[in-house]
Amino acid sequence: MRNITVTSWVAAFVVTALFAPTMASAAEKNLGKHSQEEIKNACNSAGGELLGVSDLGSYGCEVASKGTMILCNKNQECTGYTPARTRAEHNRILRNLNLSAKPVVK
């Protein structure tokens, strides 16, 4: 099971790296803090694909049908991404995952 999780996570980074030139103007928004369980539940509800948990504690979800992805670090700080062809804002990403906005602590 661990190999599948690590493989999924590596695959997500490879796909992101391959499309980085086309996603150069993709929107990237700070979404505040969200736990692994919160992302997992929201991802499943939205019909997304969990990206698993990396060895460094990062985790995320991709909702390909809506063109959104959320990646969180081990400190539960999450960033949302949308493709360059859309005009994204963090509320849209949160809405797609049925999450509510939380204050960003700096």
Protein backbone atom coordinates (compact mmCIF):
# COMPACT_ATOMS: atom_id res chain seq x y z
CA MET A 1 0.00 0.00 0.00
CA ARG A 2 2.84 2.38 0.85
CA ASN A 3 4.37 1.89 -2.62
CA ILE A 4 1.08 2.88 -4.24
CA THR A 5 0.87 6.03 -2.12
CA VAL A 6 4.46 7.04 -2.85
CA THR A 7 4.00 6.19 -6.54
CA SER A 8 0.83 8.31 -6.72
CA TRP A 9 2.59 11.22 -5.06
CA VAL A 10 5.62 10.97 -7.36
CA ALA A 11 3.30 10.72 -10.38
CA ALA A 12 1.52 13.91 -9.33
CA PHE A 13 4.82 15.78 -9.17
CA VAL A 14 5.95 14.37 -12.53
CA VAL A 15 2.69 15.43 -14.19
CA THR A 16 2.99 18.88 -12.62
CA ALA A 17 6.60 19.19 -13.82
CA LEU A 18 5.69 18.12 -17.36
CA PHE A 19 2.93 20.68 -17.62
CA ALA A 20 4.75 23.46 -15.77
CA PRO A 21 5.51 25.42 -18.95
CA THR A 22 1.83 25.46 -19.97
CA MET A 23 0.72 26.13 -16.42
CA ALA A 24 3.16 29.02 -16.00
CA SER A 25 0.31 31.46 -15.55
CA ALA A 26 -1.82 29.01 -13.58
CA ALA A 27 -3.43 30.43 -10.49
CA GLU A 28 -1.86 29.44 -7.20
CA LYS A 29 -3.75 30.43 -4.06
CA ASN A 30 -3.02 29.99 -0.38
CA LEU A 31 -6.03 28.15 1.09
CA GLY A 32 -5.08 28.20 4.76
CA LYS A 33 -4.70 25.14 6.97
CA HIS A 34 -6.61 21.90 6.34
CA SER A 35 -5.94 18.51 7.96
CA GLN A 36 -5.30 15.29 6.03
CA GLU A 37 -8.68 13.96 7.13
CA GLU A 38 -10.44 17.14 6.01
CA ILE A 39 -8.80 16.99 2.57
CA LYS A 40 -9.53 13.26 2.28
CA ASN A 41 -13.23 13.72 3.09
CA ALA A 42 -13.59 16.75 0.82
CA CYS A 43 -11.75 15.00 -2.01
CA ASN A 44 -13.97 11.92 -1.79
CA SER A 45 -17.11 14.10 -1.69
CA ALA A 46 -15.99 16.03 -4.77
CA GLY A 47 -15.16 12.86 -6.72
CA GLY A 48 -11.46 13.71 -6.71
CA GLU A 49 -8.38 11.53 -6.53
CA LEU A 50 -6.29 11.54 -3.37
CA LEU A 51 -2.60 12.06 -4.04
CA GLY A 52 -1.58 10.17 -0.91
CA VAL A 53 0.90 11.20 1.74
CA SER A 54 4.55 11.67 0.86
CA ASP A 55 7.48 10.60 3.03
CA LEU A 56 7.79 14.26 4.06
CA GLY A 57 4.17 14.43 5.22
CA SER A 58 2.72 16.32 2.24
CA TYR A 59 -0.71 15.34 0.91
CA GLY A 60 -3.27 16.50 -1.60
CA CYS A 61 -6.18 15.95 -3.93
CA GLU A 62 -6.89 16.48 -7.61
CA VAL A 63 -10.36 17.03 -9.06
CA ALA A 64 -9.54 16.62 -12.75
CA SER A 65 -13.12 17.18 -13.89
CA LYS A 66 -13.00 20.68 -12.37
CA GLY A 67 -9.37 21.39 -13.19
CA THR A 68 -8.31 21.94 -9.59
CA MET A 69 -5.65 20.50 -7.32
CA ILE A 70 -4.82 21.13 -3.69
CA LEU A 71 -1.44 20.31 -2.14
CA CYS A 72 -0.70 20.63 1.56
CA ASN A 73 2.61 20.45 3.42
CA LYS A 74 3.30 18.64 6.68
CA ASN A 75 2.24 21.78 8.59
CA GLN A 76 -1.25 21.51 7.02
CA GLU A 77 -0.67 24.67 4.94
CA CYS A 78 -2.53 24.16 1.68
CA THR A 79 -2.20 25.70 -1.76
CA GLY A 80 -4.79 25.42 -4.51
CA TYR A 81 -3.96 25.26 -8.23
CA THR A 82 -6.02 25.68 -11.38
CA PRO A 83 -4.97 25.45 -15.03
CA ALA A 84 -3.91 28.57 -16.90
CA ARG A 85 -7.01 28.44 -19.09
CA THR A 86 -9.26 29.31 -16.17
CA ARG A 87 -9.54 32.39 -14.04
CA ALA A 88 -9.18 30.89 -10.62
CA GLU A 89 -9.69 32.21 -7.17
CA HIS A 90 -9.26 30.37 -3.91
CA ASN A 91 -12.99 30.42 -3.13
CA ARG A 92 -13.69 28.46 -6.33
CA ILE A 93 -11.20 25.76 -5.34
CA LEU A 94 -12.60 25.56 -1.83
CA ARG A 95 -16.15 25.43 -3.20
CA ASN A 96 -15.21 22.58 -5.56
CA LEU A 97 -14.00 20.58 -2.57
CA ASN A 98 -16.87 21.71 -0.33
CA LEU A 99 -14.43 23.31 2.14
CA SER A 100 -14.80 26.65 3.88
CA ALA A 101 -12.11 29.31 3.94
CA LYS A 102 -9.92 29.50 7.02
CA PRO A 103 -7.73 32.44 8.03
CA VAL A 104 -4.13 32.29 6.90
CA VAL A 105 -1.72 32.64 9.82
CA LYS A 106 1.56 34.28 8.88
